[in-house]
Amino acid sequence: MPALSPALQRLRADHAPALLAFERENRAYFAASVPDRGDEYFARFDDRHAALLAEQATGLCHFHVLVDEDGRVLGRVNLVDAAGGSAELGYRIAENAAGRGLATAAVRAVCASAAVEYGLRELRASTTADNAASQAVLVRTGFTATDEVVLDGRPGIAFVRRL
């Protein structure tokens, strides 16, 4: 993966405490633009983390965390449902790290890894129609809007990027 400061790292077991802190600290911030993960997610976080690592080991998903020099998670960038040379991209950046270009840099790095390390040829992404910041990240990183979609009952936009 290309070097990035903060560092983009493939998800590991030892990321669990910092990742849980990231999700808790940013829960309300994320819920403003994406559906809330729900209390069960936090109550069963260790089981969920282990399940993600097991899923990643199959090659069907590739999970990444953006980690600062103190080991705090500042963001996540994930590739899920990898099959047939394609995967779905998802990402979230901490509220206190937003607006610094970290999402753009992290998405660019994962796009490079998707092609070189994971053998993918295409990435898909979607965002709600009112999430201009996420749309800007996708456009800056080479994604093209393809369709209008509905995301949990809200209007959204689907994007695609050929690698």
N, C-alpha and C. Protein backbone atom coordinates (compact mmCIF):
# COMPACT_ATOMS: atom_id res chain seq x y z
N MET A 1 0.84 -1.18 0.00
CA MET A 1 0.00 0.00 0.00
C MET A 1 0.89 1.25 0.00
N PRO A 2 0.53 2.29 -0.72
CA PRO A 2 1.34 3.51 -0.73
C PRO A 2 1.45 4.11 0.67
N ALA A 3 2.58 4.77 0.94
CA ALA A 3 2.79 5.41 2.24
C ALA A 3 1.81 6.56 2.41
N LEU A 4 1.34 6.74 3.60
CA LEU A 4 0.36 7.78 3.90
C LEU A 4 0.57 8.18 5.34
N SER A 5 0.53 9.46 5.62
CA SER A 5 0.64 9.92 7.00
C SER A 5 -0.62 10.70 7.32
N PRO A 6 -1.42 10.28 8.23
CA PRO A 6 -1.38 9.06 9.02
C PRO A 6 -1.33 7.80 8.14
N ALA A 7 -1.01 6.67 8.75
CA ALA A 7 -0.78 5.44 8.01
C ALA A 7 -2.08 4.68 7.76
N LEU A 8 -2.23 4.22 6.55
CA LEU A 8 -3.34 3.36 6.19
C LEU A 8 -2.86 1.92 6.37
N GLN A 9 -3.55 1.18 7.22
CA GLN A 9 -3.13 -0.18 7.55
C GLN A 9 -4.27 -1.15 7.31
N ARG A 10 -3.91 -2.35 6.88
CA ARG A 10 -4.90 -3.41 6.75
C ARG A 10 -5.37 -3.78 8.17
N LEU A 11 -6.67 -3.99 8.32
CA LEU A 11 -7.25 -4.27 9.63
C LEU A 11 -6.62 -5.51 10.26
N ARG A 12 -6.28 -5.37 11.54
CA ARG A 12 -5.69 -6.46 12.32
C ARG A 12 -6.44 -6.59 13.65
N ALA A 13 -6.21 -7.68 14.34
CA ALA A 13 -6.85 -7.92 15.63
C ALA A 13 -6.50 -6.84 16.64
N ASP A 14 -5.25 -6.39 16.63
CA ASP A 14 -4.83 -5.39 17.63
C ASP A 14 -5.38 -3.99 17.38
N HIS A 15 -6.08 -3.78 16.27
CA HIS A 15 -6.74 -2.50 16.03
C HIS A 15 -8.05 -2.37 16.81
N ALA A 16 -8.56 -3.46 17.36
CA ALA A 16 -9.89 -3.47 17.97
C ALA A 16 -10.13 -2.35 18.99
N PRO A 17 -9.28 -2.16 20.00
CA PRO A 17 -9.59 -1.11 20.98
C PRO A 17 -9.66 0.30 20.36
N ALA A 18 -8.73 0.62 19.50
CA ALA A 18 -8.73 1.95 18.87
C ALA A 18 -9.90 2.10 17.91
N LEU A 19 -10.27 1.03 17.23
CA LEU A 19 -11.40 1.09 16.31
C LEU A 19 -12.72 1.27 17.06
N LEU A 20 -12.86 0.57 18.17
CA LEU A 20 -14.06 0.74 18.99
C LEU A 20 -14.15 2.18 19.52
N ALA A 21 -13.05 2.72 19.97
CA ALA A 21 -13.04 4.11 20.45
C ALA A 21 -13.45 5.07 19.32
N PHE A 22 -12.92 4.86 18.13
CA PHE A 22 -13.26 5.67 16.95
C PHE A 22 -14.76 5.62 16.68
N GLU A 23 -15.32 4.43 16.67
CA GLU A 23 -16.76 4.28 16.38
C GLU A 23 -17.62 4.92 17.47
N ARG A 24 -17.24 4.76 18.73
CA ARG A 24 -18.00 5.37 19.83
C ARG A 24 -17.92 6.89 19.78
N GLU A 25 -16.71 7.42 19.62
CA GLU A 25 -16.52 8.88 19.63
C GLU A 25 -17.23 9.57 18.47
N ASN A 26 -17.40 8.87 17.37
CA ASN A 26 -17.97 9.48 16.17
C ASN A 26 -19.39 9.00 15.84
N ARG A 27 -20.00 8.28 16.76
CA ARG A 27 -21.30 7.68 16.49
C ARG A 27 -22.34 8.70 16.04
N ALA A 28 -22.51 9.76 16.78
CA ALA A 28 -23.52 10.77 16.42
C ALA A 28 -23.15 11.48 15.12
N TYR A 29 -21.87 11.75 14.93
CA TYR A 29 -21.40 12.40 13.70
C TYR A 29 -21.72 11.53 12.48
N PHE A 30 -21.41 10.25 12.55
CA PHE A 30 -21.69 9.35 11.43
C PHE A 30 -23.19 9.20 11.21
N ALA A 31 -23.95 9.12 12.28
CA ALA A 31 -25.40 8.91 12.17
C ALA A 31 -26.10 10.06 11.46
N ALA A 32 -25.45 11.21 11.39
CA ALA A 32 -26.04 12.34 10.67
C ALA A 32 -26.07 12.10 9.15
N SER A 33 -25.19 11.21 8.65
CA SER A 33 -25.14 11.00 7.20
C SER A 33 -25.31 9.55 6.77
N VAL A 34 -25.17 8.61 7.68
CA VAL A 34 -25.37 7.18 7.36
C VAL A 34 -26.18 6.55 8.49
N PRO A 35 -26.86 5.45 8.21
CA PRO A 35 -27.64 4.82 9.29
C PRO A 35 -26.76 4.43 10.48
N ASP A 36 -27.29 4.64 11.67
CA ASP A 36 -26.57 4.30 12.89
C ASP A 36 -26.36 2.79 12.96
N ARG A 37 -25.23 2.38 13.51
CA ARG A 37 -24.91 0.96 13.61
C ARG A 37 -25.76 0.25 14.67
N GLY A 38 -26.34 0.99 15.59
CA GLY A 38 -27.18 0.40 16.62
C GLY A 38 -26.39 -0.04 17.84
N ASP A 39 -27.07 -0.12 18.96
CA ASP A 39 -26.43 -0.49 20.22
C ASP A 39 -25.79 -1.87 20.19
N GLU A 40 -26.41 -2.80 19.46
CA GLU A 40 -25.91 -4.18 19.39
C GLU A 40 -24.49 -4.22 18.80
N TYR A 41 -24.22 -3.34 17.83
CA TYR A 41 -22.89 -3.27 17.23
C TYR A 41 -21.83 -3.03 18.30
N PHE A 42 -22.10 -2.10 19.20
CA PHE A 42 -21.14 -1.75 20.25
C PHE A 42 -21.08 -2.82 21.34
N ALA A 43 -22.23 -3.40 21.67
CA ALA A 43 -22.28 -4.43 22.71
C ALA A 43 -21.53 -5.69 22.29
N ARG A 44 -21.53 -5.99 21.00
CA ARG A 44 -20.89 -7.20 20.49
C ARG A 44 -19.70 -6.87 19.59
N PHE A 45 -19.04 -5.77 19.88
CA PHE A 45 -17.96 -5.29 19.01
C PHE A 45 -16.85 -6.34 18.83
N ASP A 46 -16.42 -6.98 19.90
CA ASP A 46 -15.32 -7.94 19.78
C ASP A 46 -15.69 -9.09 18.85
N ASP A 47 -16.92 -9.58 18.95
CA ASP A 47 -17.37 -10.64 18.04
C ASP A 47 -17.41 -10.13 16.60
N ARG A 48 -17.90 -8.93 16.41
CA ARG A 48 -17.99 -8.33 15.07
C ARG A 48 -16.59 -8.14 14.48
N HIS A 49 -15.65 -7.68 15.29
CA HIS A 49 -14.28 -7.47 14.81
C HIS A 49 -13.67 -8.81 14.38
N ALA A 50 -13.86 -9.85 15.18
CA ALA A 50 -13.34 -11.18 14.84
C ALA A 50 -13.98 -11.68 13.54
N ALA A 51 -15.26 -11.41 13.37
CA ALA A 51 -15.95 -11.83 12.15
C ALA A 51 -15.41 -11.10 10.92
N LEU A 52 -15.11 -9.80 11.08
CA LEU A 52 -14.53 -9.04 9.97
C LEU A 52 -13.17 -9.61 9.57
N LEU A 53 -12.36 -9.93 10.55
CA LEU A 53 -11.04 -10.50 10.26
C LEU A 53 -11.18 -11.85 9.56
N ALA A 54 -12.12 -12.66 9.99
CA ALA A 54 -12.36 -13.95 9.34
C ALA A 54 -12.83 -13.75 7.90
N GLU A 55 -13.70 -12.79 7.69
CA GLU A 55 -14.18 -12.48 6.35
C GLU A 55 -13.05 -11.97 5.47
N GLN A 56 -12.21 -11.12 6.03
CA GLN A 56 -11.06 -10.59 5.30
C GLN A 56 -10.12 -11.73 4.87
N ALA A 57 -9.96 -12.72 5.74
CA ALA A 57 -9.07 -13.85 5.43
C ALA A 57 -9.56 -14.66 4.22
N THR A 58 -10.85 -14.58 3.92
CA THR A 58 -11.39 -15.29 2.75
C THR A 58 -11.09 -14.57 1.45
N GLY A 59 -10.72 -13.28 1.53
CA GLY A 59 -10.47 -12.48 0.33
C GLY A 59 -11.72 -11.82 -0.22
N LEU A 60 -12.86 -11.99 0.45
CA LEU A 60 -14.10 -11.37 -0.02
C LEU A 60 -14.19 -9.91 0.38
N CYS A 61 -13.42 -9.50 1.39
CA CYS A 61 -13.42 -8.13 1.87
C CYS A 61 -12.00 -7.73 2.23
N HIS A 62 -11.75 -6.44 2.16
CA HIS A 62 -10.45 -5.89 2.51
C HIS A 62 -10.71 -4.65 3.35
N PHE A 63 -10.40 -4.75 4.65
CA PHE A 63 -10.69 -3.68 5.59
C PHE A 63 -9.40 -2.93 5.93
N HIS A 64 -9.50 -1.60 6.04
CA HIS A 64 -8.34 -0.76 6.33
C HIS A 64 -8.70 0.29 7.37
N VAL A 65 -7.73 0.64 8.18
CA VAL A 65 -7.90 1.73 9.14
C VAL A 65 -6.81 2.77 8.90
N LEU A 66 -7.17 4.01 9.11
CA LEU A 66 -6.25 5.14 9.01
C LEU A 66 -5.84 5.47 10.44
N VAL A 67 -4.56 5.29 10.76
CA VAL A 67 -4.08 5.37 12.13
C VAL A 67 -3.05 6.50 12.26
N ASP A 68 -3.21 7.32 13.30
CA ASP A 68 -2.24 8.40 13.51
C ASP A 68 -1.02 7.87 14.28
N GLU A 69 -0.06 8.75 14.52
CA GLU A 69 1.20 8.35 15.16
C GLU A 69 1.01 7.87 16.60
N ASP A 70 -0.14 8.20 17.21
CA ASP A 70 -0.43 7.75 18.58
C ASP A 70 -1.26 6.46 18.61
N GLY A 71 -1.54 5.91 17.43
CA GLY A 71 -2.32 4.68 17.35
C GLY A 71 -3.82 4.87 17.34
N ARG A 72 -4.27 6.14 17.30
CA ARG A 72 -5.71 6.41 17.23
C ARG A 72 -6.21 6.20 15.81
N VAL A 73 -7.38 5.60 15.67
CA VAL A 73 -7.99 5.42 14.37
C VAL A 73 -8.68 6.73 13.98
N LEU A 74 -8.33 7.23 12.80
CA LEU A 74 -8.93 8.47 12.27
C LEU A 74 -9.94 8.18 11.17
N GLY A 75 -9.92 6.95 10.67
CA GLY A 75 -10.85 6.61 9.59
C GLY A 75 -10.78 5.15 9.22
N ARG A 76 -11.73 4.78 8.39
CA ARG A 76 -11.81 3.42 7.85
C ARG A 76 -12.03 3.54 6.35
N VAL A 77 -11.45 2.63 5.60
CA VAL A 77 -11.71 2.51 4.17
C VAL A 77 -11.82 1.02 3.89
N ASN A 78 -12.98 0.59 3.42
CA ASN A 78 -13.24 -0.82 3.24
C ASN A 78 -13.64 -1.15 1.82
N LEU A 79 -13.25 -2.32 1.40
CA LEU A 79 -13.70 -2.91 0.14
C LEU A 79 -14.46 -4.18 0.51
N VAL A 80 -15.73 -4.23 0.16
CA VAL A 80 -16.55 -5.38 0.52
C VAL A 80 -17.14 -6.02 -0.73
N ASP A 81 -17.57 -7.26 -0.56
CA ASP A 81 -18.17 -8.02 -1.65
C ASP A 81 -17.28 -8.08 -2.88
N ALA A 82 -16.00 -8.37 -2.65
CA ALA A 82 -15.04 -8.48 -3.75
C ALA A 82 -15.28 -9.80 -4.48
N ALA A 83 -15.70 -9.69 -5.72
CA ALA A 83 -15.95 -10.86 -6.56
C ALA A 83 -15.97 -10.43 -8.01
N GLY A 84 -15.51 -11.29 -8.87
CA GLY A 84 -15.55 -10.99 -10.31
C GLY A 84 -14.77 -9.75 -10.70
N GLY A 85 -13.74 -9.41 -9.92
CA GLY A 85 -12.92 -8.25 -10.25
C GLY A 85 -13.48 -6.93 -9.78
N SER A 86 -14.54 -6.97 -8.98
CA SER A 86 -15.21 -5.74 -8.53
C SER A 86 -15.45 -5.80 -7.02
N ALA A 87 -15.56 -4.63 -6.41
CA ALA A 87 -15.88 -4.54 -4.98
C ALA A 87 -16.57 -3.22 -4.70
N GLU A 88 -17.22 -3.16 -3.55
CA GLU A 88 -17.90 -1.94 -3.09
C GLU A 88 -16.99 -1.22 -2.11
N LEU A 89 -16.76 0.06 -2.34
CA LEU A 89 -15.93 0.90 -1.49
C LEU A 89 -16.81 1.62 -0.47
N GLY A 90 -16.34 1.65 0.77
CA GLY A 90 -16.99 2.44 1.81
C GLY A 90 -15.93 3.07 2.68
N TYR A 91 -16.21 4.25 3.22
CA TYR A 91 -15.22 4.91 4.07
C TYR A 91 -15.90 5.86 5.03
N ARG A 92 -15.21 6.15 6.11
CA ARG A 92 -15.66 7.14 7.09
C ARG A 92 -14.43 7.71 7.78
N ILE A 93 -14.48 8.99 8.02
CA ILE A 93 -13.38 9.72 8.66
C ILE A 93 -13.92 10.37 9.93
N ALA A 94 -13.12 10.37 10.99
CA ALA A 94 -13.52 10.98 12.26
C ALA A 94 -13.86 12.45 12.08
N GLU A 95 -14.79 12.91 12.88
CA GLU A 95 -15.21 14.31 12.80
C GLU A 95 -14.03 15.25 13.00
N ASN A 96 -13.15 14.94 13.96
CA ASN A 96 -12.02 15.84 14.24
C ASN A 96 -10.91 15.74 13.20
N ALA A 97 -11.04 14.83 12.23
CA ALA A 97 -10.05 14.70 11.16
C ALA A 97 -10.61 15.10 9.80
N ALA A 98 -11.89 15.44 9.75
CA ALA A 98 -12.54 15.79 8.49
C ALA A 98 -12.00 17.12 7.95
N GLY A 99 -12.04 17.25 6.65
CA GLY A 99 -11.65 18.50 6.00
C GLY A 99 -10.15 18.68 5.83
N ARG A 100 -9.37 17.63 6.07
CA ARG A 100 -7.91 17.73 5.96
C ARG A 100 -7.37 16.94 4.76
N GLY A 101 -8.26 16.42 3.92
CA GLY A 101 -7.83 15.66 2.76
C GLY A 101 -7.50 14.20 3.06
N LEU A 102 -7.78 13.76 4.29
CA LEU A 102 -7.45 12.38 4.66
C LEU A 102 -8.31 11.37 3.91
N ALA A 103 -9.57 11.65 3.73
CA ALA A 103 -10.44 10.71 3.01
C ALA A 103 -9.97 10.57 1.57
N THR A 104 -9.66 11.67 0.93
CA THR A 104 -9.19 11.61 -0.46
C THR A 104 -7.90 10.81 -0.56
N ALA A 105 -6.94 11.07 0.31
CA ALA A 105 -5.67 10.34 0.27
C ALA A 105 -5.87 8.86 0.57
N ALA A 106 -6.70 8.55 1.55
CA ALA A 106 -6.93 7.16 1.91
C ALA A 106 -7.67 6.40 0.81
N VAL A 107 -8.66 7.03 0.20
CA VAL A 107 -9.39 6.38 -0.90
C VAL A 107 -8.44 6.16 -2.09
N ARG A 108 -7.61 7.13 -2.40
CA ARG A 108 -6.63 6.95 -3.48
C ARG A 108 -5.71 5.76 -3.19
N ALA A 109 -5.24 5.66 -1.96
CA ALA A 109 -4.34 4.57 -1.59
C ALA A 109 -5.05 3.22 -1.70
N VAL A 110 -6.29 3.14 -1.26
CA VAL A 110 -7.02 1.88 -1.34
C VAL A 110 -7.33 1.54 -2.80
N CYS A 111 -7.60 2.53 -3.63
CA CYS A 111 -7.82 2.26 -5.06
C CYS A 111 -6.57 1.64 -5.68
N ALA A 112 -5.40 2.15 -5.32
CA ALA A 112 -4.15 1.59 -5.83
C ALA A 112 -3.97 0.16 -5.35
N SER A 113 -4.23 -0.08 -4.07
CA SER A 113 -4.13 -1.43 -3.52
C SER A 113 -5.15 -2.37 -4.15
N ALA A 114 -6.34 -1.86 -4.42
CA ALA A 114 -7.39 -2.68 -5.01
C ALA A 114 -6.92 -3.30 -6.32
N ALA A 115 -6.23 -2.51 -7.12
CA ALA A 115 -5.75 -3.00 -8.41
C ALA A 115 -4.51 -3.88 -8.24
N VAL A 116 -3.53 -3.40 -7.51
CA VAL A 116 -2.23 -4.07 -7.43
C VAL A 116 -2.24 -5.27 -6.49
N GLU A 117 -2.77 -5.09 -5.29
CA GLU A 117 -2.71 -6.16 -4.28
C GLU A 117 -3.89 -7.11 -4.32
N TYR A 118 -5.07 -6.60 -4.67
CA TYR A 118 -6.27 -7.42 -4.59
C TYR A 118 -6.79 -7.86 -5.96
N GLY A 119 -6.17 -7.38 -7.04
CA GLY A 119 -6.54 -7.81 -8.37
C GLY A 119 -7.90 -7.36 -8.85
N LEU A 120 -8.38 -6.26 -8.30
CA LEU A 120 -9.70 -5.75 -8.70
C LEU A 120 -9.57 -4.85 -9.92
N ARG A 121 -10.64 -4.80 -10.71
CA ARG A 121 -10.66 -3.96 -11.92
C ARG A 121 -11.68 -2.82 -11.84
N GLU A 122 -12.57 -2.90 -10.85
CA GLU A 122 -13.62 -1.89 -10.75
C GLU A 122 -14.06 -1.77 -9.29
N LEU A 123 -14.33 -0.52 -8.90
CA LEU A 123 -14.88 -0.26 -7.57
C LEU A 123 -16.20 0.48 -7.74
N ARG A 124 -17.14 0.15 -6.87
CA ARG A 124 -18.43 0.83 -6.82
C ARG A 124 -18.54 1.53 -5.47
N ALA A 125 -19.29 2.61 -5.43
CA ALA A 125 -19.53 3.33 -4.18
C ALA A 125 -20.87 4.02 -4.31
N SER A 126 -21.45 4.37 -3.18
CA SER A 126 -22.67 5.17 -3.19
C SER A 126 -22.69 6.05 -1.97
N THR A 127 -23.41 7.14 -2.10
CA THR A 127 -23.54 8.09 -1.01
C THR A 127 -24.91 8.75 -1.09
N THR A 128 -25.37 9.25 0.03
CA THR A 128 -26.64 9.96 0.00
C THR A 128 -26.49 11.23 -0.82
N ALA A 129 -27.59 11.64 -1.42
CA ALA A 129 -27.56 12.81 -2.31
C ALA A 129 -27.17 14.09 -1.59
N ASP A 130 -27.40 14.14 -0.27
CA ASP A 130 -27.08 15.35 0.48
C ASP A 130 -25.68 15.33 1.10
N ASN A 131 -24.88 14.32 0.80
CA ASN A 131 -23.53 14.23 1.36
C ASN A 131 -22.51 14.74 0.34
N ALA A 132 -22.45 16.05 0.20
CA ALA A 132 -21.58 16.67 -0.80
C ALA A 132 -20.10 16.36 -0.55
N ALA A 133 -19.69 16.28 0.70
CA ALA A 133 -18.29 16.00 1.00
C ALA A 133 -17.89 14.62 0.49
N SER A 134 -18.72 13.62 0.70
CA SER A 134 -18.42 12.28 0.23
C SER A 134 -18.42 12.22 -1.30
N GLN A 135 -19.35 12.90 -1.91
CA GLN A 135 -19.39 12.96 -3.38
C GLN A 135 -18.11 13.59 -3.92
N ALA A 136 -17.63 14.64 -3.27
CA ALA A 136 -16.41 15.32 -3.71
C ALA A 136 -15.21 14.39 -3.61
N VAL A 137 -15.12 13.60 -2.54
CA VAL A 137 -14.02 12.64 -2.40
C VAL A 137 -14.06 11.65 -3.55
N LEU A 138 -15.24 11.13 -3.84
CA LEU A 138 -15.35 10.14 -4.91
C LEU A 138 -14.95 10.73 -6.26
N VAL A 139 -15.41 11.93 -6.57
CA VAL A 139 -15.06 12.56 -7.85
C VAL A 139 -13.56 12.84 -7.91
N ARG A 140 -12.97 13.36 -6.82
CA ARG A 140 -11.53 13.66 -6.80
C ARG A 140 -10.68 12.40 -6.98
N THR A 141 -11.22 11.26 -6.61
CA THR A 141 -10.44 10.03 -6.68
C THR A 141 -10.79 9.18 -7.91
N GLY A 142 -11.47 9.80 -8.88
CA GLY A 142 -11.68 9.14 -10.17
C GLY A 142 -12.98 8.39 -10.35
N PHE A 143 -13.91 8.52 -9.42
CA PHE A 143 -15.21 7.87 -9.55
C PHE A 143 -16.13 8.73 -10.41
N THR A 144 -17.05 8.09 -11.10
CA THR A 144 -18.03 8.76 -11.94
C THR A 144 -19.43 8.37 -11.47
N ALA A 145 -20.29 9.37 -11.34
CA ALA A 145 -21.68 9.10 -10.96
C ALA A 145 -22.35 8.31 -12.08
N THR A 146 -23.11 7.27 -11.69
CA THR A 146 -23.72 6.41 -12.69
C THR A 146 -25.23 6.35 -12.60
N ASP A 147 -25.79 6.55 -11.41
CA ASP A 147 -27.22 6.33 -11.26
C ASP A 147 -27.72 6.95 -9.96
N GLU A 148 -29.01 7.19 -9.90
CA GLU A 148 -29.66 7.57 -8.65
C GLU A 148 -30.09 6.29 -7.96
N VAL A 149 -29.91 6.24 -6.65
CA VAL A 149 -30.27 5.06 -5.86
C VAL A 149 -30.99 5.51 -4.61
N VAL A 150 -31.52 4.56 -3.87
CA VAL A 150 -32.14 4.82 -2.57
C VAL A 150 -31.31 4.10 -1.53
N LEU A 151 -30.84 4.83 -0.53
CA LEU A 151 -30.01 4.29 0.54
C LEU A 151 -30.76 4.43 1.85
N ASP A 152 -31.24 3.33 2.35
CA ASP A 152 -32.01 3.32 3.60
C ASP A 152 -33.12 4.36 3.58
N GLY A 153 -33.84 4.39 2.46
CA GLY A 153 -34.98 5.29 2.32
C GLY A 153 -34.64 6.71 1.91
N ARG A 154 -33.36 6.99 1.72
CA ARG A 154 -32.93 8.35 1.35
C ARG A 154 -32.41 8.35 -0.08
N PRO A 155 -32.60 9.47 -0.81
CA PRO A 155 -32.05 9.55 -2.16
C PRO A 155 -30.53 9.48 -2.12
N GLY A 156 -29.97 8.78 -3.09
CA GLY A 156 -28.52 8.65 -3.14
C GLY A 156 -28.01 8.62 -4.58
N ILE A 157 -26.69 8.54 -4.68
CA ILE A 157 -26.03 8.52 -5.98
C ILE A 157 -25.04 7.35 -5.97
N ALA A 158 -25.08 6.55 -7.04
CA ALA A 158 -24.13 5.46 -7.21
C ALA A 158 -22.97 5.95 -8.08
N PHE A 159 -21.77 5.46 -7.77
CA PHE A 159 -20.56 5.83 -8.49
C PHE A 159 -19.81 4.55 -8.89
N VAL A 160 -18.94 4.69 -9.89
CA VAL A 160 -18.09 3.58 -10.30
C VAL A 160 -16.71 4.14 -10.69
N ARG A 161 -15.69 3.33 -10.48
CA ARG A 161 -14.35 3.69 -10.93
C ARG A 161 -13.70 2.44 -11.52
N ARG A 162 -13.25 2.56 -12.74
CA ARG A 162 -12.47 1.50 -13.36
C ARG A 162 -11.03 1.65 -12.92
N LEU A 163 -10.39 0.53 -12.62
CA LEU A 163 -9.00 0.57 -12.12
C LEU A 163 -8.03 0.18 -13.24
